[in-house]
Amino acid sequence: MQVGEYTSLAFMLPAATLAGYAIGYLLDRALGTTFLKIVFLLLGIAAGFVQLIRQVLRDTSNRENG
């Protein structure tokens, strides 16, 4: 069923955002910088949206083909 797939989408975007921020935060602490958490936060948001769009496109193509 697609219910499970769409439920996972609700967690994917926040998880990617949090992972990006965490990576940036850890790199900032290790390197003594202050801007990497923002860069990786934006990368995490972008990665979450890319994955969301991929899933929606996959579902719409499956619906058209079958």
PDB file of N, CA and C in Angstrom:
ATOM      1  N   MET A   1       0.840  -1.189   0.000  1.00  0.00           N
ATOM      2  CA  MET A   1       0.000   0.000   0.000  1.00  0.00           C
ATOM      3  C   MET A   1       0.882   1.248   0.000  1.00  0.00           C
ATOM      4  N   GLN A   2       0.306   2.316  -0.440  1.00  0.00           N
ATOM      5  CA  GLN A   2       1.041   3.566  -0.511  1.00  0.00           C
ATOM      6  C   GLN A   2       0.955   4.368   0.782  1.00  0.00           C
ATOM      7  N   VAL A   3       0.145   3.926   1.713  1.00  0.00           N
ATOM      8  CA  VAL A   3       0.009   4.650   2.967  1.00  0.00           C
ATOM      9  C   VAL A   3       1.336   4.688   3.708  1.00  0.00           C
ATOM     10  N   GLY A   4       2.026   3.584   3.745  1.00  0.00           N
ATOM     11  CA  GLY A   4       3.331   3.533   4.414  1.00  0.00           C
ATOM     12  C   GLY A   4       4.362   4.416   3.739  1.00  0.00           C
ATOM     13  N   GLU A   5       4.335   4.439   2.412  1.00  0.00           N
ATOM     14  CA  GLU A   5       5.286   5.279   1.683  1.00  0.00           C
ATOM     15  C   GLU A   5       5.027   6.752   1.952  1.00  0.00           C
ATOM     16  N   TYR A   6       3.773   7.140   1.968  1.00  0.00           N
ATOM     17  CA  TYR A   6       3.456   8.546   2.208  1.00  0.00           C
ATOM     18  C   TYR A   6       3.672   8.939   3.669  1.00  0.00           C
ATOM     19  N   THR A   7       3.515   8.001   4.569  1.00  0.00           N
ATOM     20  CA  THR A   7       3.816   8.284   5.968  1.00  0.00           C
ATOM     21  C   THR A   7       5.306   8.517   6.148  1.00  0.00           C
ATOM     22  N   SER A   8       6.110   7.758   5.435  1.00  0.00           N
ATOM     23  CA  SER A   8       7.554   7.953   5.544  1.00  0.00           C
ATOM     24  C   SER A   8       7.969   9.311   4.988  1.00  0.00           C
ATOM     25  N   LEU A   9       7.229   9.841   4.030  1.00  0.00           N
ATOM     26  CA  LEU A   9       7.537  11.174   3.501  1.00  0.00           C
ATOM     27  C   LEU A   9       7.375  12.246   4.572  1.00  0.00           C
ATOM     28  N   ALA A  10       6.457  12.028   5.505  1.00  0.00           N
ATOM     29  CA  ALA A  10       6.247  13.000   6.575  1.00  0.00           C
ATOM     30  C   ALA A  10       7.457  13.084   7.502  1.00  0.00           C
ATOM     31  N   PHE A  11       8.240  12.025   7.570  1.00  0.00           N
ATOM     32  CA  PHE A  11       9.418  12.017   8.427  1.00  0.00           C
ATOM     33  C   PHE A  11      10.703  12.310   7.663  1.00  0.00           C
ATOM     34  N   MET A  12      10.671  12.135   6.348  1.00  0.00           N
ATOM     35  CA  MET A  12      11.889  12.278   5.552  1.00  0.00           C
ATOM     36  C   MET A  12      12.405  13.716   5.533  1.00  0.00           C
ATOM     37  N   LEU A  13      11.543  14.676   5.300  1.00  0.00           N
ATOM     38  CA  LEU A  13      11.984  16.068   5.209  1.00  0.00           C
ATOM     39  C   LEU A  13      12.548  16.570   6.541  1.00  0.00           C
ATOM     40  N   PRO A  14      11.870  16.376   7.665  1.00  0.00           N
ATOM     41  CA  PRO A  14      12.479  16.809   8.930  1.00  0.00           C
ATOM     42  C   PRO A  14      13.762  16.040   9.273  1.00  0.00           C
ATOM     43  N   ALA A  15      13.809  14.760   8.933  1.00  0.00           N
ATOM     44  CA  ALA A  15      15.020  13.977   9.238  1.00  0.00           C
ATOM     45  C   ALA A  15      16.208  14.462   8.414  1.00  0.00           C
ATOM     46  N   ALA A  16      15.979  14.746   7.136  1.00  0.00           N
ATOM     47  CA  ALA A  16      17.071  15.243   6.293  1.00  0.00           C
ATOM     48  C   ALA A  16      17.526  16.615   6.776  1.00  0.00           C
ATOM     49  N   THR A  17      16.589  17.449   7.194  1.00  0.00           N
ATOM     50  CA  THR A  17      16.923  18.771   7.708  1.00  0.00           C
ATOM     51  C   THR A  17      17.746  18.661   8.989  1.00  0.00           C
ATOM     52  N   LEU A  18      17.305  17.825   9.884  1.00  0.00           N
ATOM     53  CA  LEU A  18      18.024  17.638  11.144  1.00  0.00           C
ATOM     54  C   LEU A  18      19.407  17.036  10.910  1.00  0.00           C
ATOM     55  N   ALA A  19      19.506  16.077  10.004  1.00  0.00           N
ATOM     56  CA  ALA A  19      20.810  15.463   9.714  1.00  0.00           C
ATOM     57  C   ALA A  19      21.765  16.501   9.121  1.00  0.00           C
ATOM     58  N   GLY A  20      21.267  17.327   8.216  1.00  0.00           N
ATOM     59  CA  GLY A  20      22.112  18.364   7.636  1.00  0.00           C
ATOM     60  C   GLY A  20      22.607  19.340   8.681  1.00  0.00           C
ATOM     61  N   TYR A  21      21.709  19.762   9.562  1.00  0.00           N
ATOM     62  CA  TYR A  21      22.101  20.686  10.622  1.00  0.00           C
ATOM     63  C   TYR A  21      23.121  20.045  11.562  1.00  0.00           C
ATOM     64  N   ALA A  22      22.890  18.784  11.903  1.00  0.00           N
ATOM     65  CA  ALA A  22      23.804  18.095  12.826  1.00  0.00           C
ATOM     66  C   ALA A  22      25.197  17.961  12.227  1.00  0.00           C
ATOM     67  N   ILE A  23      25.262  17.614  10.960  1.00  0.00           N
ATOM     68  CA  ILE A  23      26.567  17.501  10.302  1.00  0.00           C
ATOM     69  C   ILE A  23      27.262  18.860  10.289  1.00  0.00           C
ATOM     70  N   GLY A  24      26.529  19.906   9.938  1.00  0.00           N
ATOM     71  CA  GLY A  24      27.111  21.248   9.924  1.00  0.00           C
ATOM     72  C   GLY A  24      27.557  21.695  11.304  1.00  0.00           C
ATOM     73  N   TYR A  25      26.753  21.381  12.306  1.00  0.00           N
ATOM     74  CA  TYR A  25      27.102  21.755  13.682  1.00  0.00           C
ATOM     75  C   TYR A  25      28.389  21.066  14.123  1.00  0.00           C
ATOM     76  N   LEU A  26      28.482  19.773  13.833  1.00  0.00           N
ATOM     77  CA  LEU A  26      29.685  19.033  14.225  1.00  0.00           C
ATOM     78  C   LEU A  26      30.917  19.530  13.478  1.00  0.00           C
ATOM     79  N   LEU A  27      30.750  19.832  12.191  1.00  0.00           N
ATOM     80  CA  LEU A  27      31.878  20.377  11.437  1.00  0.00           C
ATOM     81  C   LEU A  27      32.270  21.761  11.945  1.00  0.00           C
ATOM     82  N   ASP A  28      31.298  22.574  12.316  1.00  0.00           N
ATOM     83  CA  ASP A  28      31.607  23.885  12.879  1.00  0.00           C
ATOM     84  C   ASP A  28      32.419  23.751  14.164  1.00  0.00           C
ATOM     85  N   ARG A  29      32.026  22.818  14.995  1.00  0.00           N
ATOM     86  CA  ARG A  29      32.766  22.616  16.254  1.00  0.00           C
ATOM     87  C   ARG A  29      34.170  22.098  15.988  1.00  0.00           C
ATOM     88  N   ALA A  30      34.302  21.198  15.019  1.00  0.00           N
ATOM     89  CA  ALA A  30      35.608  20.602  14.742  1.00  0.00           C
ATOM     90  C   ALA A  30      36.552  21.596  14.067  1.00  0.00           C
ATOM     91  N   LEU A  31      36.005  22.433  13.202  1.00  0.00           N
ATOM     92  CA  LEU A  31      36.844  23.346  12.424  1.00  0.00           C
ATOM     93  C   LEU A  31      36.896  24.764  12.998  1.00  0.00           C
ATOM     94  N   GLY A  32      36.090  25.047  13.991  1.00  0.00           N
ATOM     95  CA  GLY A  32      36.076  26.382  14.591  1.00  0.00           C
ATOM     96  C   GLY A  32      35.414  27.440  13.723  1.00  0.00           C
ATOM     97  N   THR A  33      34.492  27.022  12.893  1.00  0.00           N
ATOM     98  CA  THR A  33      33.768  27.969  12.035  1.00  0.00           C
ATOM     99  C   THR A  33      32.355  28.176  12.572  1.00  0.00           C
ATOM    100  N   THR A  34      31.611  29.061  11.908  1.00  0.00           N
ATOM    101  CA  THR A  34      30.235  29.309  12.360  1.00  0.00           C
ATOM    102  C   THR A  34      29.209  29.237  11.238  1.00  0.00           C
ATOM    103  N   PHE A  35      29.634  29.023  10.004  1.00  0.00           N
ATOM    104  CA  PHE A  35      28.699  29.099   8.887  1.00  0.00           C
ATOM    105  C   PHE A  35      28.301  27.736   8.317  1.00  0.00           C
ATOM    106  N   LEU A  36      29.005  26.685   8.671  1.00  0.00           N
ATOM    107  CA  LEU A  36      28.744  25.386   8.058  1.00  0.00           C
ATOM    108  C   LEU A  36      27.397  24.804   8.455  1.00  0.00           C
ATOM    109  N   LYS A  37      26.928  25.105   9.671  1.00  0.00           N
ATOM    110  CA  LYS A  37      25.624  24.560  10.055  1.00  0.00           C
ATOM    111  C   LYS A  37      24.514  25.126   9.180  1.00  0.00           C
ATOM    112  N   ILE A  38      24.634  26.362   8.744  1.00  0.00           N
ATOM    113  CA  ILE A  38      23.624  26.946   7.847  1.00  0.00           C
ATOM    114  C   ILE A  38      23.732  26.311   6.462  1.00  0.00           C
ATOM    115  N   VAL A  39      24.961  26.128   5.981  1.00  0.00           N
ATOM    116  CA  VAL A  39      25.163  25.524   4.660  1.00  0.00           C
ATOM    117  C   VAL A  39      24.602  24.103   4.640  1.00  0.00           C
ATOM    118  N   PHE A  40      24.928  23.321   5.645  1.00  0.00           N
ATOM    119  CA  PHE A  40      24.459  21.940   5.667  1.00  0.00           C
ATOM    120  C   PHE A  40      22.972  21.854   5.999  1.00  0.00           C
ATOM    121  N   LEU A  41      22.434  22.811   6.725  1.00  0.00           N
ATOM    122  CA  LEU A  41      20.997  22.866   6.946  1.00  0.00           C
ATOM    123  C   LEU A  41      20.278  23.050   5.608  1.00  0.00           C
ATOM    124  N   LEU A  42      20.759  23.967   4.794  1.00  0.00           N
ATOM    125  CA  LEU A  42      20.154  24.193   3.485  1.00  0.00           C
ATOM    126  C   LEU A  42      20.317  22.973   2.581  1.00  0.00           C
ATOM    127  N   LEU A  43      21.474  22.324   2.647  1.00  0.00           N
ATOM    128  CA  LEU A  43      21.676  21.095   1.869  1.00  0.00           C
ATOM    129  C   LEU A  43      20.732  19.980   2.330  1.00  0.00           C
ATOM    130  N   GLY A  44      20.502  19.881   3.627  1.00  0.00           N
ATOM    131  CA  GLY A  44      19.573  18.885   4.143  1.00  0.00           C
ATOM    132  C   GLY A  44      18.153  19.153   3.696  1.00  0.00           C
ATOM    133  N   ILE A  45      17.745  20.421   3.714  1.00  0.00           N
ATOM    134  CA  ILE A  45      16.409  20.781   3.237  1.00  0.00           C
ATOM    135  C   ILE A  45      16.275  20.436   1.759  1.00  0.00           C
ATOM    136  N   ALA A  46      17.294  20.786   0.972  1.00  0.00           N
ATOM    137  CA  ALA A  46      17.259  20.490  -0.463  1.00  0.00           C
ATOM    138  C   ALA A  46      17.197  18.983  -0.710  1.00  0.00           C
ATOM    139  N   ALA A  47      17.973  18.217   0.039  1.00  0.00           N
ATOM    140  CA  ALA A  47      17.964  16.763  -0.127  1.00  0.00           C
ATOM    141  C   ALA A  47      16.595  16.180   0.223  1.00  0.00           C
ATOM    142  N   GLY A  48      15.965  16.700   1.262  1.00  0.00           N
ATOM    143  CA  GLY A  48      14.631  16.236   1.626  1.00  0.00           C
ATOM    144  C   GLY A  48      13.610  16.523   0.538  1.00  0.00           C
ATOM    145  N   PHE A  49      13.671  17.721  -0.052  1.00  0.00           N
ATOM    146  CA  PHE A  49      12.736  18.054  -1.122  1.00  0.00           C
ATOM    147  C   PHE A  49      12.999  17.237  -2.381  1.00  0.00           C
ATOM    148  N   VAL A  50      14.265  16.982  -2.694  1.00  0.00           N
ATOM    149  CA  VAL A  50      14.581  16.160  -3.865  1.00  0.00           C
ATOM    150  C   VAL A  50      14.002  14.768  -3.679  1.00  0.00           C
ATOM    151  N   GLN A  51      14.155  14.203  -2.506  1.00  0.00           N
ATOM    152  CA  GLN A  51      13.627  12.875  -2.241  1.00  0.00           C
ATOM    153  C   GLN A  51      12.098  12.876  -2.287  1.00  0.00           C
ATOM    154  N   LEU A  52      11.488  13.922  -1.783  1.00  0.00           N
ATOM    155  CA  LEU A  52      10.034  14.053  -1.831  1.00  0.00           C
ATOM    156  C   LEU A  52       9.548  14.108  -3.273  1.00  0.00           C
ATOM    157  N   ILE A  53      10.198  14.900  -4.098  1.00  0.00           N
ATOM    158  CA  ILE A  53       9.811  15.025  -5.508  1.00  0.00           C
ATOM    159  C   ILE A  53      10.026  13.706  -6.241  1.00  0.00           C
ATOM    160  N   ARG A  54      11.126  13.016  -5.965  1.00  0.00           N
ATOM    161  CA  ARG A  54      11.371  11.720  -6.599  1.00  0.00           C
ATOM    162  C   ARG A  54      10.259  10.726  -6.280  1.00  0.00           C
ATOM    163  N   GLN A  55       9.855  10.690  -5.020  1.00  0.00           N
ATOM    164  CA  GLN A  55       8.812   9.744  -4.620  1.00  0.00           C
ATOM    165  C   GLN A  55       7.488  10.072  -5.290  1.00  0.00           C
ATOM    166  N   VAL A  56       7.142  11.339  -5.347  1.00  0.00           N
ATOM    167  CA  VAL A  56       5.879  11.735  -5.977  1.00  0.00           C
ATOM    168  C   VAL A  56       5.914  11.426  -7.474  1.00  0.00           C
ATOM    169  N   LEU A  57       7.025  11.715  -8.133  1.00  0.00           N
ATOM    170  CA  LEU A  57       7.137  11.403  -9.558  1.00  0.00           C
ATOM    171  C   LEU A  57       7.077   9.903  -9.815  1.00  0.00           C
ATOM    172  N   ARG A  58       7.696   9.127  -8.942  1.00  0.00           N
ATOM    173  CA  ARG A  58       7.656   7.672  -9.072  1.00  0.00           C
ATOM    174  C   ARG A  58       6.221   7.168  -8.931  1.00  0.00           C
ATOM    175  N   ASP A  59       5.488   7.713  -7.975  1.00  0.00           N
ATOM    176  CA  ASP A  59       4.110   7.285  -7.763  1.00  0.00           C
ATOM    177  C   ASP A  59       3.204   7.697  -8.913  1.00  0.00           C
ATOM    178  N   THR A  60       3.397   8.882  -9.452  1.00  0.00           N
ATOM    179  CA  THR A  60       2.551   9.307 -10.560  1.00  0.00           C
ATOM    180  C   THR A  60       2.860   8.516 -11.825  1.00  0.00           C
ATOM    181  N   SER A  61       4.134   8.158 -12.048  1.00  0.00           N
ATOM    182  CA  SER A  61       4.442   7.350 -13.226  1.00  0.00           C
ATOM    183  C   SER A  61       3.902   5.928 -13.075  1.00  0.00           C
ATOM    184  N   ASN A  62       3.923   5.377 -11.869  1.00  0.00           N
ATOM    185  CA  ASN A  62       3.349   4.054 -11.635  1.00  0.00           C
ATOM    186  C   ASN A  62       1.837   4.071 -11.838  1.00  0.00           C
ATOM    187  N   ARG A  63       1.207   5.131 -11.452  1.00  0.00           N
ATOM    188  CA  ARG A  63      -0.229   5.246 -11.599  1.00  0.00           C
ATOM    189  C   ARG A  63      -0.628   5.346 -13.074  1.00  0.00           C
ATOM    190  N   GLU A  64       0.189   6.034 -13.876  1.00  0.00           N
ATOM    191  CA  GLU A  64      -0.105   6.185 -15.308  1.00  0.00           C
ATOM    192  C   GLU A  64       0.157   4.881 -16.062  1.00  0.00           C
ATOM    193  N   ASN A  65       1.156   4.134 -15.651  1.00  0.00           N
ATOM    194  CA  ASN A  65       1.536   2.911 -16.363  1.00  0.00           C
ATOM    195  C   ASN A  65       0.714   1.687 -15.949  1.00  0.00           C
ATOM    196  N   GLY A  66       0.161   1.729 -14.793  1.00  0.00           N
ATOM    197  CA  GLY A  66      -0.466   0.500 -14.387  1.00  0.00           C
ATOM    198  C   GLY A  66      -1.740   0.655 -13.715  1.00  0.00           C
TER     199      GLY A  66
END
